[in-house]
Every structure is written in C-alpha cells, then in structure tokens.
Amino acid sequence: MSASPRHPLNRSWFRRLRARLAARRAGLIGALLVVGCVPAPAPDPGVAVPVETARITFEDHLAAVIASDLNGDGLDDLVIGDSLAGEYPRSEGGDVHVLLGPVVSRDLTVTAADLTLHGQVPYRHAGLDLAVADLDGDGVGDIVVRTDVSLQWTGTVYVVSGGLRGHQDLETAAFLTLDGPATLGQAMLETDYNGDGAADLIVSCPLRSEVYVVLGPRSGHLQLPDDADATIATDNGALGWSLAAGDLDGNGWPDLVIAEPIADVIYVVPVGLVGRFAITDAVIALVRSGDGRDLLRGVDAIRLTESTDALLIRSRRSDSEQWGTVFVRTRPVVGDLDARTDSDLTLEDAAVSFGVPTDTGRPTGDREPLLAIGAPARTHLPTSNLTGEAWLLRGDLRGVHSLDSAEVAAASWRVSGPDVGVDLFGNSVFFARLRVPGRVDFVATGKGTVLVYAWNDPQFP
C-alpha cells in the first residue's frame, strides 16, 4: 500500500498504530511512565475521602469505560467496552456491556449486564472506544461504538439505541453505521453543533487529519467523509488525535478543542460551520508550548469555575519516555497561547498522556470541585508488581507543582493499584451518578476491574 500524498507519514503512522494496538492487547496501553514508589499523601481536611462502594469485574485486560443516563431515570449507567472478548468464530470481535444504575454491589461481573452487544466480525475489537449521544432523538443517550481497523484498512463506528436490553449482535442492532478510513472514531464526542437542541456526533480520523460532524437525529448508513455535514481538516498531520467540547471563551456557546500531535498544536474552533474547511480558517485559539520538549497530545474541557470551562492539556516530554505534564487554563481561551506560560495550573511528573483521561466533579456539595487524574503506569516496586494510581486534587490548586510535591499532597487524595489489588489502575477516571440521583461518585478503572467510590459527607450521608 503506497503512502497517500495527503499523509506523507502513512508508513510510520501504521507502524505506530500497530504498536499501540499490540500494547493494548498486552494490557500495557498508557504505560508510558515508570517512576519509583510514591508515598500516599495524607488527606487534607479540604479533600473529602471517598470509600469503595462497588466493584465490577470482567476479563483480565483493559477496557473502555464510560457512564451516562441511558434510560432517563436520573442515574448514570456504566458502559464497558471489552474489545478483546469473543471466541471463534467471532474471535476478539469485542463485547459492549451496559449495567444500569444503581450500581452498588461489590461483587458484580459483566454477566449481570442489562445489555450486551456482541461484535460479530473477528478481530475488529468492537468497544475499542465508546461515546454516548442521543442520535435517534428520543431524549435518552445512544451507545456509540468504535471498532478496530479492518483488513481493508477501513474503520467503522456503530450507534445502538440505549433502550435495547438482553444480548444483541452489534452490527444488526445498530440504527446508524458510519464507515470511513482507518482510525475513524479514535476520538468521539456529543455536542449540539448547530444549536438546534438536538445532539450531534463529532468523530475524528487522525489518519486523514480530519474531524467529521454528523448532525442528529440520524439513522441509516453514512460513508465518511462524503456524507459528513462538516469536515474540519489540515493538509497533513494527525488532526483529531483527541477531542473535547466546552465553552472555553465564555460566550455561552460550545467550542471544539482538537489536538494535532505531529505539529504539537491544540486548536479551538467554534461550532456551527458546515461543509469542508481548513481549521486554520476558523481557529479562535491556538495553543503551543514554548518548550519544544512538550509534546501536546490530549485535551479535555473541564468545569473548574462557574463562568467558563477550563482547558486541560496532557503532554509527554520528548526528552524522556517517562515523564509527562498536565496544563490547565481556567481563564478564557482565545488567541495565541503558550501551554507553559499561559496556564493557571501546571502539574509536572503527572504520568498523563493520551488515553489517560481526567475529569472534574462536585461530589461534596458547595466545596471546590475535584480534579481527577489517572496515572496507570506508575510503578510501586519493590513492594508490588501492580501499577497505577488515581488522584483527586482540589480544584482551586494553582501554580506549578510536581504531582509528588508536598503542596499537591496537602490538596489531594490518592489510591494506588496495590491498595486495591488492581493492575494498571487509573486507566480511566471520571465522575458519575451511579447510586443516588444528584449524588456524585468517583469511578476508576484498571485491568479487569471498575471501582466506584462514594463520599461519606454530612451533606451526602
């Protein structure tokens, strides 16, 4: 297969893609940082300490895990993408499990799932990535499932009604199928792109350095990029390595945040534009780093203040495979910005890279929101072979700190893989309402396990 003129790095890109998949199969994705054992910081009174209230287990490897309300009862439901599941004749076809809330048992397995979607095509790894978007317009979320690259180097994303129950074949259950180039769906998210009140789906394709917009409600079969309602593109690179959406400039409308790792650029663009357009023609903010050793890889839009969403950037250091940095800007994101000098919080040695998510939530009433960070590759030798940590930091933390510093220790809570007996712990971290409507829980995942933590707070007993 010859390299496409649209992407002169195709051959090396495919090698990196295959290496990433091989790492995932070995249960090593995200394991980019190896550091010494870090003593657990003593909780500060300002950080309410959660306790484990539920544990869900599945096969002993990593999975994509998200949560959203799929039945409109006010509780979030767990969606687990077990992309390596499946035996002959659908070897590694992948399974997606849905466990409806409330999730309160400490002895759950995915065999208790209310819905299981079975990928029927061998080695397509259905559930490699997940999202939720109400694309049939019924008012509750639908499950968006990415599959792996095919033998023909194509990608497929399926959308299945969140109201289905029982065991279903993924491909036949989908009411919307998106076909496109390889890497289609590496990043996916829901937002109201055109302001009509209906959910729309944003899907990236880094191989073509394009991001596609599919306006909802939608059904049937779409061939991307031809059938996209909008295509955001660069002439080369890997646009869409990660995506986020939020009100970053404070104008009351969502913006798209798009990472392009080959040029080490983070773009912020407004929603609403249709047709095909170059991202440089629409950009409202562009973030680079003045330190050429910062490789900007991942983005999130997180809520740390009441006025606007904050921009969070995950980076890796080019001079070391072992170190990464988190940058957070809470002020409006407009114009040309430097990730280092224009951030309000910088966390060095954070072990955060693409694939290790972050989130914010207010689990304890009117206290400051908490920032969750996962670090699944942190080692704890010689005391344990289990790796990983999940951190909760006070949302009012500002300045430049090492994640291992005394200042962070005084404003955080941490749990490690050895603490809970789970390897690669912190592979996913997020907040969700899994037990009681209106009460926020903390979720952290690792190899073969999802843990749910709740707070014993006077306001939330």
Protein backbone atom coordinates (compact mmCIF):
# COMPACT_ATOMS: atom_id res chain seq x y z
CA MET A 1 0.00 0.00 0.00
CA SER A 2 1.60 3.28 -1.07
CA ALA A 3 1.70 6.30 1.17
CA SER A 4 -1.09 8.77 0.49
CA PRO A 5 0.01 12.26 -0.62
CA ARG A 6 -2.44 13.56 1.99
CA HIS A 7 -0.40 11.96 4.73
CA PRO A 8 3.31 11.55 3.95
CA LEU A 9 3.87 9.74 7.24
CA ASN A 10 1.47 6.88 6.49
CA ARG A 11 4.01 4.08 6.78
CA SER A 12 5.41 5.22 10.10
CA TRP A 13 1.86 6.06 11.22
CA PHE A 14 0.72 2.47 10.55
CA ARG A 15 3.73 1.13 12.43
CA ARG A 16 2.85 3.30 15.43
CA LEU A 17 -0.80 2.28 15.14
CA ARG A 18 0.12 -1.41 15.13
CA ALA A 19 2.45 -0.88 18.09
CA ARG A 20 -0.33 0.86 20.01
CA LEU A 21 -2.73 -1.99 19.29
CA ALA A 22 -0.12 -4.55 20.32
CA ALA A 23 0.37 -2.67 23.58
CA ARG A 24 -3.36 -2.65 24.18
CA ARG A 25 -3.57 -6.39 23.62
CA ALA A 26 -0.78 -6.89 26.11
CA GLY A 27 -2.63 -4.76 28.64
CA LEU A 28 0.02 -2.06 28.55
CA ILE A 29 -1.70 0.93 26.94
CA GLY A 30 -0.99 4.11 28.78
CA ALA A 31 2.08 2.61 30.45
CA LEU A 32 4.40 5.39 29.34
CA LEU A 33 5.80 6.37 32.72
CA VAL A 34 7.94 4.34 35.09
CA VAL A 35 8.81 6.04 38.36
CA GLY A 36 9.59 4.98 41.89
CA CYS A 37 7.04 4.21 44.54
CA VAL A 38 5.45 7.40 45.87
CA PRO A 39 4.22 7.55 49.47
CA ALA A 40 0.49 8.11 49.67
CA PRO A 41 -0.22 11.72 50.71
CA ALA A 42 -2.16 12.23 53.91
CA PRO A 43 -5.63 13.59 53.07
CA ASP A 44 -6.10 17.27 53.81
CA PRO A 45 -9.35 18.20 55.59
CA GLY A 46 -10.30 20.08 52.42
CA VAL A 47 -10.33 16.83 50.43
CA ALA A 48 -13.22 14.61 51.43
CA VAL A 49 -12.06 10.98 51.38
CA PRO A 50 -14.27 8.55 49.42
CA VAL A 51 -14.79 4.87 50.18
CA GLU A 52 -15.20 1.97 47.78
CA THR A 53 -18.87 1.07 47.35
CA ALA A 54 -18.95 -1.08 44.20
CA ARG A 55 -16.62 -3.31 42.19
CA ILE A 56 -17.33 -4.73 38.74
CA THR A 57 -15.01 -7.32 37.19
CA PHE A 58 -14.54 -8.62 33.66
CA GLU A 59 -11.82 -10.45 31.74
CA ASP A 60 -8.30 -9.61 32.89
CA HIS A 61 -7.40 -6.86 30.45
CA LEU A 62 -8.12 -3.19 29.89
CA ALA A 63 -11.47 -1.89 28.66
CA ALA A 64 -13.02 1.39 27.60
CA VAL A 65 -15.43 2.53 30.34
CA ILE A 66 -17.86 5.47 30.35
CA ALA A 67 -21.08 6.38 32.17
CA SER A 68 -24.26 8.15 31.07
CA ASP A 69 -28.00 8.02 31.74
CA LEU A 70 -29.37 5.62 29.12
CA ASN A 71 -32.92 5.23 30.46
CA GLY A 72 -33.82 8.68 31.81
CA ASP A 73 -34.10 7.68 35.49
CA GLY A 74 -31.62 10.29 36.73
CA LEU A 75 -28.90 7.73 37.36
CA ASP A 76 -25.89 7.16 35.15
CA ASP A 77 -25.37 3.70 33.72
CA LEU A 78 -22.00 2.02 33.15
CA VAL A 79 -20.91 1.12 29.62
CA ILE A 80 -17.90 -1.22 29.39
CA GLY A 81 -16.19 -1.92 26.07
CA ASP A 82 -14.39 -5.27 26.30
CA SER A 83 -12.73 -5.13 22.89
CA LEU A 84 -10.81 -8.41 23.24
CA ALA A 85 -13.84 -10.53 24.13
CA GLY A 86 -15.12 -13.22 21.80
CA GLU A 87 -14.19 -16.75 20.80
CA TYR A 88 -14.23 -18.49 17.43
CA PRO A 89 -15.96 -17.84 15.07
CA ARG A 90 -16.03 -14.23 16.30
CA SER A 91 -12.55 -14.26 17.86
CA GLU A 92 -11.86 -10.91 19.52
CA GLY A 93 -14.97 -9.48 17.91
CA GLY A 94 -15.50 -7.49 21.12
CA ASP A 95 -18.37 -7.04 23.57
CA VAL A 96 -20.01 -3.92 24.97
CA HIS A 97 -21.79 -4.33 28.32
CA VAL A 98 -24.33 -1.95 29.89
CA LEU A 99 -25.04 -2.10 33.63
CA LEU A 100 -27.98 0.10 34.57
CA GLY A 101 -27.79 2.13 37.77
CA PRO A 102 -27.93 1.95 40.69
CA VAL A 103 -24.51 0.27 40.84
CA VAL A 104 -24.00 -0.64 44.49
CA SER A 105 -22.67 -4.21 44.72
CA ARG A 106 -19.05 -5.03 45.50
CA ASP A 107 -19.40 -8.40 43.75
CA LEU A 108 -20.63 -7.60 40.23
CA THR A 109 -19.48 -9.13 36.95
CA VAL A 110 -20.41 -8.22 33.40
CA THR A 111 -22.53 -11.38 33.25
CA ALA A 112 -25.10 -9.29 35.16
CA ALA A 113 -25.22 -6.71 32.35
CA ASP A 114 -28.65 -5.46 31.28
CA LEU A 115 -27.43 -5.24 27.69
CA THR A 116 -24.52 -6.91 25.92
CA LEU A 117 -23.64 -6.07 22.33
CA HIS A 118 -21.57 -8.77 20.63
CA GLY A 119 -19.31 -7.78 17.75
CA GLN A 120 -19.58 -10.47 15.09
CA VAL A 121 -16.53 -9.70 12.93
CA PRO A 122 -13.32 -11.43 14.13
CA TYR A 123 -10.51 -9.15 15.31
CA ARG A 124 -12.47 -5.92 14.79
CA HIS A 125 -12.38 -5.29 18.57
CA ALA A 126 -15.78 -3.66 18.98
CA GLY A 127 -15.76 -1.37 22.01
CA LEU A 128 -12.23 -0.14 21.43
CA ASP A 129 -13.62 3.32 22.19
CA LEU A 130 -17.06 4.46 23.31
CA ALA A 131 -19.27 7.53 23.49
CA VAL A 132 -22.90 8.33 24.24
CA ALA A 133 -25.05 10.58 22.04
CA ASP A 134 -28.81 10.82 21.58
CA LEU A 135 -28.78 10.39 17.81
CA ASP A 136 -32.27 8.91 17.44
CA GLY A 137 -33.82 11.92 19.18
CA ASP A 138 -35.79 10.01 21.82
CA GLY A 139 -34.38 12.03 24.71
CA VAL A 140 -32.02 9.42 26.15
CA GLY A 141 -28.48 8.51 25.16
CA ASP A 142 -27.48 6.02 22.49
CA ILE A 143 -24.28 3.98 22.58
CA VAL A 144 -21.56 4.88 20.06
CA VAL A 145 -19.12 2.00 19.49
CA ARG A 146 -15.84 2.19 17.61
CA THR A 147 -14.32 -0.91 16.02
CA ASP A 148 -10.73 -1.52 15.01
CA VAL A 149 -9.22 -1.18 11.55
CA SER A 150 -10.39 -3.79 9.03
CA LEU A 151 -8.26 -5.88 6.67
CA GLN A 152 -9.13 -3.31 4.02
CA TRP A 153 -7.78 -0.50 6.25
CA THR A 154 -11.21 0.98 6.89
CA GLY A 155 -12.87 1.99 10.15
CA THR A 156 -16.44 1.61 11.35
CA VAL A 157 -18.50 3.25 14.10
CA TYR A 158 -21.88 1.83 15.16
CA VAL A 159 -24.65 3.65 17.03
CA VAL A 160 -27.09 1.48 19.01
CA SER A 161 -30.19 2.55 20.92
CA GLY A 162 -29.59 2.89 24.64
CA GLY A 163 -33.01 1.35 25.22
CA LEU A 164 -32.06 -2.13 23.99
CA ARG A 165 -31.80 -4.97 26.51
CA GLY A 166 -30.52 -8.54 26.53
CA HIS A 167 -27.92 -9.96 24.14
CA GLN A 168 -27.70 -8.34 20.71
CA ASP A 169 -25.48 -8.63 17.65
CA LEU A 170 -23.81 -5.23 17.37
CA GLU A 171 -23.87 -4.91 13.60
CA THR A 172 -27.56 -5.77 13.19
CA ALA A 173 -28.67 -3.81 16.27
CA ALA A 174 -27.14 -0.53 15.05
CA PHE A 175 -29.59 2.06 13.70
CA LEU A 176 -26.69 4.16 12.37
CA THR A 177 -23.45 2.91 10.84
CA LEU A 178 -20.53 5.17 9.93
CA ASP A 179 -17.88 3.76 7.58
CA GLY A 180 -14.69 5.58 6.72
CA PRO A 181 -10.90 5.43 6.66
CA ALA A 182 -8.76 3.62 9.23
CA THR A 183 -8.59 5.37 12.64
CA LEU A 184 -12.20 6.55 12.24
CA GLY A 185 -13.57 7.17 15.73
CA GLN A 186 -10.25 7.42 17.55
CA ALA A 187 -11.92 10.32 19.36
CA MET A 188 -15.71 10.77 19.57
CA LEU A 189 -17.99 13.11 21.47
CA GLU A 190 -21.52 14.50 21.61
CA THR A 191 -22.34 18.20 21.42
CA ASP A 192 -25.05 20.46 19.97
CA TYR A 193 -23.01 21.58 16.99
CA ASN A 194 -25.65 23.63 15.15
CA GLY A 195 -27.63 24.97 18.12
CA ASP A 196 -30.93 23.28 17.25
CA GLY A 197 -31.22 21.48 20.58
CA ALA A 198 -30.51 18.04 19.10
CA ALA A 199 -27.41 16.01 19.87
CA ASP A 200 -24.75 15.81 17.16
CA LEU A 201 -21.75 13.47 16.89
CA ILE A 202 -18.15 14.58 16.34
CA VAL A 203 -15.84 11.82 15.06
CA SER A 204 -12.13 12.13 14.30
CA CYS A 205 -9.94 10.38 11.74
CA PRO A 206 -6.28 11.22 12.50
CA LEU A 207 -5.01 9.14 9.57
CA ARG A 208 -6.55 11.68 7.18
CA SER A 209 -6.06 14.57 9.63
CA GLU A 210 -9.81 15.24 9.55
CA VAL A 211 -12.68 15.64 12.03
CA TYR A 212 -16.24 14.90 10.90
CA VAL A 213 -19.55 16.30 12.15
CA VAL A 214 -22.72 14.18 11.87
CA LEU A 215 -25.84 16.18 12.72
CA GLY A 216 -28.62 14.44 14.61
CA PRO A 217 -31.09 12.93 14.63
CA ARG A 218 -29.70 10.46 12.09
CA SER A 219 -30.12 6.84 11.01
CA GLY A 220 -29.04 4.55 8.19
CA HIS A 221 -25.58 4.18 6.70
CA LEU A 222 -23.10 7.01 6.13
CA GLN A 223 -19.83 6.92 4.24
CA LEU A 224 -17.35 9.40 5.69
CA PRO A 225 -16.06 11.90 4.75
CA ASP A 226 -18.53 12.13 1.83
CA ASP A 227 -21.68 12.13 3.99
CA ALA A 228 -20.36 14.36 6.79
CA ASP A 229 -22.27 17.58 7.46
CA ALA A 230 -18.96 19.30 8.21
CA THR A 231 -15.34 18.31 7.76
CA ILE A 232 -12.57 20.10 9.64
CA ALA A 233 -9.16 19.40 8.12
CA THR A 234 -5.47 20.15 7.89
CA ASP A 235 -3.33 19.46 4.82
CA ASN A 236 -1.21 16.99 6.75
CA GLY A 237 -0.65 15.84 10.31
CA ALA A 238 -2.93 13.85 12.62
CA LEU A 239 -5.78 16.22 13.43
CA GLY A 240 -8.25 14.75 15.91
CA TRP A 241 -5.81 12.68 17.98
CA SER A 242 -8.10 13.73 20.81
CA LEU A 243 -11.21 15.93 21.07
CA ALA A 244 -13.11 17.93 23.67
CA ALA A 245 -16.03 20.35 23.70
CA GLY A 246 -16.91 23.15 26.10
CA ASP A 247 -17.44 26.89 26.46
CA LEU A 248 -13.80 27.93 26.53
CA ASP A 249 -14.15 31.59 25.54
CA GLY A 250 -17.07 32.42 27.85
CA ASN A 251 -19.58 33.39 25.15
CA GLY A 252 -22.17 30.82 26.21
CA TRP A 253 -21.66 28.55 23.19
CA PRO A 254 -19.64 25.33 23.00
CA ASP A 255 -16.30 25.26 21.23
CA LEU A 256 -14.41 22.28 19.83
CA VAL A 257 -10.90 21.56 21.07
CA ILE A 258 -8.85 19.45 18.67
CA ALA A 259 -5.32 18.10 19.20
CA GLU A 260 -2.86 17.76 16.31
CA PRO A 261 0.18 15.95 17.76
CA ILE A 262 2.53 15.97 14.79
CA ALA A 263 2.69 19.78 14.85
CA ASP A 264 2.16 19.81 18.66
CA VAL A 265 -0.76 22.23 18.33
CA ILE A 266 -4.09 22.46 20.14
CA TYR A 267 -6.82 24.21 18.12
CA VAL A 268 -10.03 25.75 19.48
CA VAL A 269 -12.73 26.36 16.86
CA PRO A 270 -16.36 27.49 17.10
CA VAL A 271 -19.24 25.15 16.37
CA GLY A 272 -21.79 25.73 13.62
CA LEU A 273 -19.65 25.84 10.47
CA VAL A 274 -20.73 23.42 7.72
CA GLY A 275 -19.07 21.99 4.64
CA ARG A 276 -15.37 21.31 4.38
CA PHE A 277 -12.99 23.92 5.80
CA ALA A 278 -9.40 24.24 6.93
CA ILE A 279 -9.11 24.50 10.68
CA THR A 280 -6.72 27.44 10.33
CA ASP A 281 -9.50 29.44 8.67
CA ALA A 282 -11.80 29.10 11.69
CA VAL A 283 -9.49 28.95 14.70
CA ILE A 284 -10.31 31.19 17.69
CA ALA A 285 -7.43 29.96 19.84
CA LEU A 286 -4.19 28.15 19.15
CA VAL A 287 -2.06 26.63 21.89
CA ARG A 288 1.57 25.60 21.54
CA SER A 289 4.38 25.25 24.05
CA GLY A 290 7.43 27.48 24.13
CA ASP A 291 9.35 24.47 25.43
CA GLY A 292 10.00 22.27 22.41
CA ARG A 293 10.24 19.22 24.67
CA ASP A 294 6.49 19.37 25.41
CA LEU A 295 4.61 17.04 23.07
CA LEU A 296 0.97 18.13 23.32
CA ARG A 297 -1.22 15.05 22.94
CA GLY A 298 -4.53 15.04 24.81
CA VAL A 299 -7.23 17.61 25.59
CA ASP A 300 -10.22 17.92 27.90
CA ALA A 301 -12.71 20.69 28.65
CA ILE A 302 -13.37 20.59 32.39
CA ARG A 303 -15.55 22.70 34.68
CA LEU A 304 -13.48 24.28 37.48
CA THR A 305 -15.26 27.66 37.62
CA GLU A 306 -18.87 28.76 37.19
CA SER A 307 -18.21 31.08 34.24
CA THR A 308 -16.35 29.01 31.63
CA ASP A 309 -14.92 25.58 31.05
CA ALA A 310 -11.21 25.15 31.66
CA LEU A 311 -8.83 23.75 29.05
CA LEU A 312 -6.74 20.80 30.19
CA ILE A 313 -3.83 19.61 28.05
CA ARG A 314 -1.92 16.37 28.56
CA SER A 315 1.64 16.28 27.25
CA ARG A 316 4.63 13.98 27.12
CA ARG A 317 8.26 15.11 27.29
CA SER A 318 10.29 14.48 24.13
CA ASP A 319 13.49 14.08 26.15
CA SER A 320 12.07 11.24 28.23
CA GLU A 321 9.64 8.39 27.66
CA GLN A 322 8.95 8.52 31.39
CA TRP A 323 7.61 11.99 32.12
CA GLY A 324 4.52 13.99 31.28
CA THR A 325 2.88 17.28 32.23
CA VAL A 326 -0.69 18.46 32.73
CA PHE A 327 -1.53 22.08 31.87
CA VAL A 328 -4.81 23.69 32.99
CA ARG A 329 -6.03 27.12 31.92
CA THR A 330 -9.12 28.36 33.77
CA ARG A 331 -9.28 31.78 32.09
CA PRO A 332 -10.93 32.27 28.66
CA VAL A 333 -9.05 30.51 25.86
CA VAL A 334 -8.63 32.96 22.96
CA GLY A 335 -5.78 33.99 20.68
CA ASP A 336 -2.29 32.50 20.58
CA LEU A 337 -1.35 30.89 23.89
CA ASP A 338 1.65 29.11 25.36
CA ALA A 339 0.78 25.98 27.31
CA ARG A 340 3.53 26.67 29.86
CA THR A 341 3.38 30.40 30.41
CA ASP A 342 -0.38 30.87 29.99
CA SER A 343 -1.62 28.01 32.19
CA ASP A 344 -3.02 28.55 35.68
CA LEU A 345 -2.01 25.09 36.91
CA THR A 346 0.96 23.02 35.75
CA LEU A 347 1.48 19.52 37.13
CA GLU A 348 4.87 18.05 36.32
CA ASP A 349 5.67 14.33 36.62
CA ALA A 350 1.98 13.62 36.19
CA ALA A 351 2.28 10.50 34.05
CA VAL A 352 -0.61 11.71 31.94
CA SER A 353 -0.58 11.04 28.23
CA PHE A 354 -3.10 10.33 25.52
CA GLY A 355 -5.54 7.67 26.68
CA VAL A 356 -5.40 8.58 30.37
CA PRO A 357 -8.44 10.75 31.00
CA THR A 358 -9.17 13.46 33.50
CA ASP A 359 -12.45 14.78 34.85
CA THR A 360 -13.95 17.19 37.37
CA GLY A 361 -16.94 16.94 39.67
CA ARG A 362 -18.53 18.39 42.79
CA PRO A 363 -19.15 15.33 44.96
CA THR A 364 -19.41 17.17 48.26
CA GLY A 365 -21.87 20.00 47.83
CA ASP A 366 -20.55 23.54 47.64
CA ARG A 367 -16.88 22.68 48.17
CA GLU A 368 -14.39 23.31 45.38
CA PRO A 369 -14.70 20.83 42.50
CA LEU A 370 -12.22 17.98 42.42
CA LEU A 371 -9.85 17.28 39.54
CA ALA A 372 -9.37 13.56 38.86
CA ILE A 373 -6.16 12.31 37.24
CA GLY A 374 -5.24 8.74 36.33
CA ALA A 375 -1.64 7.51 36.17
CA PRO A 376 -1.85 3.80 35.24
CA ALA A 377 1.85 3.33 34.53
CA ARG A 378 3.27 4.42 37.89
CA THR A 379 5.18 1.54 39.44
CA HIS A 380 5.34 0.52 43.08
CA LEU A 381 8.44 -1.64 43.07
CA PRO A 382 9.84 -3.31 45.06
CA THR A 383 6.76 -3.67 47.25
CA SER A 384 4.35 -4.64 44.45
CA ASN A 385 4.27 -5.51 40.76
CA LEU A 386 0.88 -3.81 40.41
CA THR A 387 1.00 -0.41 38.72
CA GLY A 388 -1.15 2.67 38.62
CA GLU A 389 -2.70 5.43 40.70
CA ALA A 390 -5.84 7.54 40.72
CA TRP A 391 -5.64 11.07 42.15
CA LEU A 392 -8.25 13.56 43.33
CA LEU A 393 -6.96 17.14 43.61
CA ARG A 394 -8.70 20.24 44.92
CA GLY A 395 -9.96 22.30 42.02
CA ASP A 396 -8.58 25.55 43.47
CA LEU A 397 -4.97 24.34 43.22
CA ARG A 398 -2.92 26.78 41.13
CA GLY A 399 0.72 27.32 40.22
CA VAL A 400 3.48 24.98 39.07
CA HIS A 401 3.92 21.76 41.04
CA SER A 402 5.24 18.26 40.79
CA LEU A 403 2.48 15.74 41.31
CA ASP A 404 4.68 14.31 44.07
CA SER A 405 5.20 17.64 45.84
CA ALA A 406 4.14 18.48 49.37
CA GLU A 407 1.79 21.16 48.04
CA VAL A 408 -0.10 18.60 45.97
CA ALA A 409 -0.05 16.08 48.82
CA ALA A 410 -1.78 18.63 51.04
CA ALA A 411 -4.50 19.22 48.45
CA SER A 412 -5.18 15.69 47.22
CA TRP A 413 -6.18 12.10 47.86
CA ARG A 414 -4.58 9.15 46.12
CA VAL A 415 -5.29 5.44 45.80
CA SER A 416 -2.86 3.04 44.11
CA GLY A 417 -3.07 -0.27 42.29
CA PRO A 418 -1.54 -2.18 45.22
CA ASP A 419 -4.07 -0.54 47.57
CA VAL A 420 -6.98 -2.11 45.68
CA GLY A 421 -5.30 -5.16 44.12
CA VAL A 422 -5.77 -3.93 40.55
CA ASP A 423 -3.09 -3.59 37.87
CA LEU A 424 -2.85 -0.54 35.57
CA PHE A 425 -5.15 1.27 37.96
CA GLY A 426 -6.28 4.72 36.83
CA ASN A 427 -6.62 3.75 33.18
CA SER A 428 -9.93 5.64 33.26
CA VAL A 429 -11.12 8.14 35.89
CA PHE A 430 -14.40 10.05 35.89
CA PHE A 431 -17.33 11.22 38.00
CA ALA A 432 -20.85 9.79 37.63
CA ARG A 433 -24.15 9.47 39.49
CA LEU A 434 -24.30 5.71 39.91
CA ARG A 435 -26.01 5.21 43.30
CA VAL A 436 -28.45 8.03 44.05
CA PRO A 437 -29.71 10.78 41.69
CA GLY A 438 -27.90 14.03 42.37
CA ARG A 439 -25.03 12.42 44.32
CA VAL A 440 -21.72 12.27 42.50
CA ASP A 441 -19.48 9.20 42.74
CA PHE A 442 -15.89 8.69 41.59
CA VAL A 443 -15.06 5.88 39.17
CA ALA A 444 -11.58 4.49 38.49
CA THR A 445 -10.75 1.52 36.30
CA GLY A 446 -7.86 -0.85 35.81
CA LYS A 447 -7.11 -4.22 34.31
CA GLY A 448 -10.31 -6.27 34.51
CA THR A 449 -11.94 -4.06 37.14
CA VAL A 450 -14.14 -1.00 37.62
CA LEU A 451 -14.24 0.56 41.10
CA VAL A 452 -16.89 3.01 42.33
CA TYR A 453 -16.17 5.33 45.27
CA ALA A 454 -18.68 7.36 47.28
CA TRP A 455 -18.33 10.11 49.86
CA ASN A 456 -19.42 9.96 53.49
CA ASP A 457 -20.13 13.66 53.72
CA PRO A 458 -22.57 15.38 56.11
CA GLN A 459 -24.42 16.76 53.10
CA PHE A 460 -24.42 13.36 51.37
CA PRO A 461 -24.60 10.63 54.03
